[in-house]
Protein backbone atom coordinates (compact mmCIF):
# COMPACT_ATOMS: atom_id res chain seq x y z
CA UNK A 1 2.58 0.58 24.85
CA UNK A 2 -0.45 1.95 22.78
CA UNK A 3 -4.20 1.41 23.08
CA UNK A 4 -4.52 1.95 19.28
CA UNK A 5 -6.13 -1.12 17.25
CA UNK A 6 -3.54 -3.57 15.83
CA UNK A 7 -3.80 -3.57 12.12
CA UNK A 8 -1.11 -6.25 11.30
CA UNK A 9 -0.13 -8.94 13.80
CA UNK A 10 2.62 -11.58 12.85
CA UNK A 11 3.90 -14.27 15.10
CA UNK A 12 6.67 -16.53 13.70
CA UNK A 13 5.14 -16.17 10.29
CA UNK A 14 6.82 -18.14 7.42
CA UNK A 15 6.08 -18.06 3.77
CA UNK A 16 7.52 -20.81 1.63
CA UNK A 17 6.77 -20.99 -2.06
CA UNK A 18 5.85 -24.26 -3.95
CA UNK A 19 9.33 -24.29 -5.47
CA UNK A 20 10.77 -24.67 -1.84
CA UNK A 21 12.09 -21.23 -1.56
CA UNK A 22 11.56 -19.59 1.67
CA UNK A 23 10.53 -15.95 1.04
CA UNK A 24 9.86 -14.96 4.56
CA UNK A 25 10.98 -16.64 7.81
CA UNK A 26 10.05 -16.32 11.46
CA UNK A 27 8.57 -12.85 11.33
CA UNK A 28 7.00 -11.51 14.50
CA UNK A 29 5.78 -7.96 14.26
CA UNK A 30 2.79 -5.62 14.93
CA UNK A 31 1.68 -2.60 13.07
CA UNK A 32 -0.87 -0.41 14.87
CA UNK A 33 -3.42 1.92 13.47
CA UNK A 34 -2.08 5.39 12.19
CA UNK A 35 1.43 4.20 11.79
CA UNK A 36 3.69 5.11 8.67
CA UNK A 37 5.84 2.09 8.12
CA UNK A 38 8.62 1.64 5.59
CA UNK A 39 9.57 -1.92 4.64
CA UNK A 40 13.24 -1.86 3.47
CA UNK A 41 15.75 -4.38 2.38
CA UNK A 42 17.68 -5.54 -0.60
CA UNK A 43 16.05 -6.73 -3.82
CA UNK A 44 14.59 -10.24 -3.03
CA UNK A 45 14.53 -9.47 0.79
CA UNK A 46 10.78 -10.27 0.91
CA UNK A 47 9.40 -6.71 0.84
CA UNK A 48 6.80 -7.26 -1.90
CA UNK A 49 5.97 -10.65 -0.63
CA UNK A 50 4.97 -9.21 2.80
CA UNK A 51 2.89 -6.62 1.20
CA UNK A 52 1.08 -9.12 -0.77
CA UNK A 53 0.28 -11.08 2.36
CA UNK A 54 -1.43 -8.01 3.88
CA UNK A 55 -4.17 -8.05 1.20
CA UNK A 56 -4.50 -11.73 0.83
CA UNK A 57 -2.36 -12.27 -2.38
CA UNK A 58 -0.22 -14.76 -0.57
CA UNK A 59 -0.94 -16.87 2.49
CA UNK A 60 1.26 -17.92 5.35
CA UNK A 61 2.87 -21.40 5.23
CA UNK A 62 3.09 -21.44 9.04
CA UNK A 63 2.92 -19.22 11.98
CA UNK A 64 0.16 -16.37 12.55
CA UNK A 65 -0.87 -13.46 10.55
CA UNK A 66 -3.97 -11.41 11.43
CA UNK A 67 -4.72 -8.30 9.14
CA UNK A 68 -7.37 -5.87 10.23
CA UNK A 69 -8.82 -8.62 12.48
CA UNK A 70 -8.86 -11.30 9.81
CA UNK A 71 -6.98 -14.65 10.34
CA UNK A 72 -5.14 -14.92 7.01
CA UNK A 73 -4.43 -18.70 7.47
CA UNK A 74 -8.25 -19.43 7.95
CA UNK A 75 -9.78 -16.82 5.79
CA UNK A 76 -12.07 -17.89 2.90
CA UNK A 77 -12.32 -16.09 -0.41
CA UNK A 78 -15.30 -13.95 0.71
CA UNK A 79 -13.35 -12.80 3.72
CA UNK A 80 -10.52 -11.97 1.69
CA UNK A 81 -12.70 -9.83 -0.63
CA UNK A 82 -14.05 -8.05 2.54
CA UNK A 83 -10.35 -7.25 3.59
CA UNK A 84 -9.44 -5.95 0.08
CA UNK A 85 -12.29 -3.49 0.16
CA UNK A 86 -10.67 -2.06 3.36
CA UNK A 87 -7.11 -1.87 1.57
CA UNK A 88 -5.81 0.54 -0.83
CA UNK A 89 -2.97 -0.72 -2.97
CA UNK A 90 -0.55 1.13 -5.31
CA UNK A 91 2.40 -0.21 -7.11
CA UNK A 92 5.66 0.93 -8.67
CA UNK A 93 4.25 0.48 -12.13
CA UNK A 94 0.82 2.00 -11.28
CA UNK A 95 -1.05 -0.77 -12.92
CA UNK A 96 -3.32 1.79 -14.74
CA UNK A 97 -5.63 0.73 -17.71
CA UNK A 98 -4.30 2.89 -20.57
CA UNK A 99 -7.54 2.28 -22.56
CA UNK A 100 -9.51 3.83 -19.84
CA UNK A 101 -9.72 7.47 -18.73
CA UNK A 102 -8.29 8.70 -15.39
CA UNK A 103 -11.93 8.68 -14.07
CA UNK A 104 -12.48 5.11 -15.13
CA UNK A 105 -9.05 4.08 -13.57
CA UNK A 106 -9.75 5.78 -10.21
CA UNK A 107 -13.38 4.76 -10.04
CA UNK A 108 -12.58 1.04 -10.55
CA UNK A 109 -12.58 -0.17 -6.86
CA UNK A 110 -16.17 1.31 -6.22
CA UNK A 111 -17.52 0.54 -9.73
CA UNK A 112 -16.63 -3.05 -8.96
CA UNK A 113 -18.83 -2.66 -5.88
CA UNK A 114 -21.77 -1.49 -7.93
CA UNK A 115 -21.57 2.28 -7.52
CA UNK A 116 -23.25 4.20 -10.38
CA UNK A 117 -21.41 6.71 -12.47
CA UNK A 118 -23.40 9.74 -11.19
CA UNK A 119 -22.43 8.83 -7.72
CA UNK A 120 -18.82 8.16 -8.45
CA UNK A 121 -18.07 11.34 -10.37
CA UNK A 122 -18.15 13.71 -7.25
CA UNK A 123 -16.24 11.22 -5.18
CA UNK A 124 -13.42 10.70 -7.90
CA UNK A 125 -13.33 14.38 -8.45
CA UNK A 126 -12.63 14.89 -4.66
CA UNK A 127 -9.67 12.43 -4.57
CA UNK A 128 -8.16 13.81 -7.74
CA UNK A 129 -8.41 17.34 -6.28
CA UNK A 130 -6.46 16.07 -3.23
CA UNK A 131 -3.70 14.74 -5.50
CA UNK A 132 -3.73 17.96 -7.62
CA UNK A 133 -5.00 16.29 -10.73
CA UNK A 134 -8.69 17.70 -10.54
CA UNK A 135 -8.56 19.00 -14.17
CA UNK A 136 -7.37 15.47 -15.65
CA UNK A 137 -10.66 13.56 -14.94
CA UNK A 138 -11.24 12.69 -18.52
CA UNK A 139 -7.56 12.47 -19.65
CA UNK A 140 -5.96 9.28 -20.45
CA UNK A 141 -2.85 7.84 -18.62
CA UNK A 142 -0.67 8.05 -21.63
CA UNK A 143 -1.07 11.82 -21.67
CA UNK A 144 0.25 12.00 -18.10
CA UNK A 145 3.84 12.07 -16.76
CA UNK A 146 5.22 9.14 -14.63
CA UNK A 147 4.63 11.31 -11.45
CA UNK A 148 1.08 12.18 -12.52
CA UNK A 149 0.44 8.37 -13.18
CA UNK A 150 1.52 7.56 -9.65
CA UNK A 151 -0.76 10.27 -8.16
CA UNK A 152 -3.73 8.64 -10.17
CA UNK A 153 -2.72 5.36 -8.48
CA UNK A 154 -2.72 6.99 -5.06
CA UNK A 155 -6.11 8.47 -5.84
CA UNK A 156 -7.42 5.08 -6.73
CA UNK A 157 -6.10 3.52 -3.59
CA UNK A 158 -7.64 6.00 -1.28
CA UNK A 159 -11.01 6.25 -3.15
CA UNK A 160 -12.83 4.01 -0.66
CA UNK A 161 -11.27 5.81 2.37
CA UNK A 162 -9.57 2.62 3.43
CA UNK A 163 -8.03 2.26 6.92
CA UNK A 164 -4.82 0.84 5.30
CA UNK A 165 -2.80 1.77 2.24
CA UNK A 166 -0.12 -0.50 0.97
CA UNK A 167 2.44 1.06 -1.36
CA UNK A 168 4.99 -1.13 -3.14
CA UNK A 169 8.00 0.97 -4.32
CA UNK A 170 5.78 3.89 -5.39
CA UNK A 171 8.78 6.10 -5.90
CA UNK A 172 10.98 3.65 -7.56
CA UNK A 173 10.69 5.04 -11.04
CA UNK A 174 10.45 8.73 -10.18
CA UNK A 175 12.95 11.64 -9.96
CA UNK A 176 13.69 12.89 -6.51
CA UNK A 177 11.47 15.95 -6.52
CA UNK A 178 8.49 13.88 -7.86
CA UNK A 179 9.32 11.12 -5.30
CA UNK A 180 9.04 13.63 -2.48
CA UNK A 181 5.84 14.91 -3.71
CA UNK A 182 4.27 11.43 -3.91
CA UNK A 183 5.60 10.80 -0.23
CA UNK A 184 4.03 14.14 0.63
CA UNK A 185 0.61 12.79 -0.51
CA UNK A 186 1.08 9.68 1.45
CA UNK A 187 2.12 11.31 4.51
CA UNK A 188 -0.88 13.56 4.37
CA UNK A 189 -3.10 10.62 4.25
CA UNK A 190 -1.34 9.17 7.21
CA UNK A 191 -1.89 12.45 9.21
CA UNK A 192 -5.58 12.00 8.53
CA UNK A 193 -5.50 8.64 10.25
CA UNK A 194 -4.70 6.07 7.47
CA UNK A 195 -2.24 3.41 8.23
CA UNK A 196 0.46 3.42 5.49
CA UNK A 197 2.85 0.56 4.88
CA UNK A 198 5.42 1.30 1.97
CA UNK A 199 8.07 -0.94 0.62
CA UNK A 200 11.11 1.11 -0.62
CA UNK A 201 14.68 1.13 -1.43
CA UNK A 202 14.79 4.91 -1.47
CA UNK A 203 16.34 5.25 2.03
CA UNK A 204 17.36 8.82 1.51
CA UNK A 205 13.87 9.86 1.44
CA UNK A 206 13.47 9.07 5.18
CA UNK A 207 15.64 12.25 5.94
CA UNK A 208 12.67 14.39 4.83
CA UNK A 209 9.85 11.98 5.47
CA UNK A 210 10.58 10.00 8.64
CA UNK A 211 8.63 7.05 10.09
CA UNK A 212 9.01 3.61 11.43
CA UNK A 213 11.56 1.44 9.51
CA UNK A 214 11.20 -2.34 9.26
CA UNK A 215 14.33 -3.81 7.71
CA UNK A 216 14.16 -7.26 6.03
CA UNK A 217 17.27 -9.45 4.87
CA UNK A 218 16.75 -12.72 3.09
CA UNK A 219 13.28 -12.95 4.38
CA UNK A 220 14.04 -12.35 7.97
CA UNK A 221 13.45 -9.34 10.20
CA UNK A 222 16.77 -7.65 11.10
CA UNK A 223 15.76 -4.17 12.20
CA UNK A 224 12.82 -2.14 13.52
CA UNK A 225 13.26 1.42 14.50
CA UNK A 226 11.82 4.76 14.34
CA UNK A 227 13.40 7.59 12.38
CA UNK A 228 12.80 11.20 13.35
CA UNK A 229 13.35 14.36 11.26
């Protein structure tokens, strides 16, 4: 047992799309503060759908889901916006704005909250230094490699120092060495206390970066274990 706060709490949670397809079925699971959790499973198993539910992109059809203290079946739009301010998200395709500089891409979450540029620059510089891109503040994404773009996405996700970072296949398009470096960054954030939940099919990476492994199959929970080095 642990006395750490519960960040995600699911009880018999189901997600059914309007088409009738059941994406997730009967999930009962808890994630506590400070865990590094891999969500694994075949394509279509429900990994991305589950991550979207953790920031309010999708809502449960039935059952219970509480995320960082928010009841996601009852939460209104204002409450979902508050949740998203406490959640960093990075995707496989980075979702960077190629017409904007690295600074503008990373600064976006706090810019939306009304931070001024002079206050943002030192904050953005700090997170770019963490991902070893401190000299690319005014570069544009098209001038960066795929691995560097993913590190920019991680910098953006960590900018507001969120308690939770969700990563959807962040290593999917990267070579193995670059993928390990990206995982090193996420593991480093986890050691600082951030809860990290990462959807992945790159199971070989668990050999060097162990963690809790939650396995989905056809939308159902079929495994939950802790891998060690």
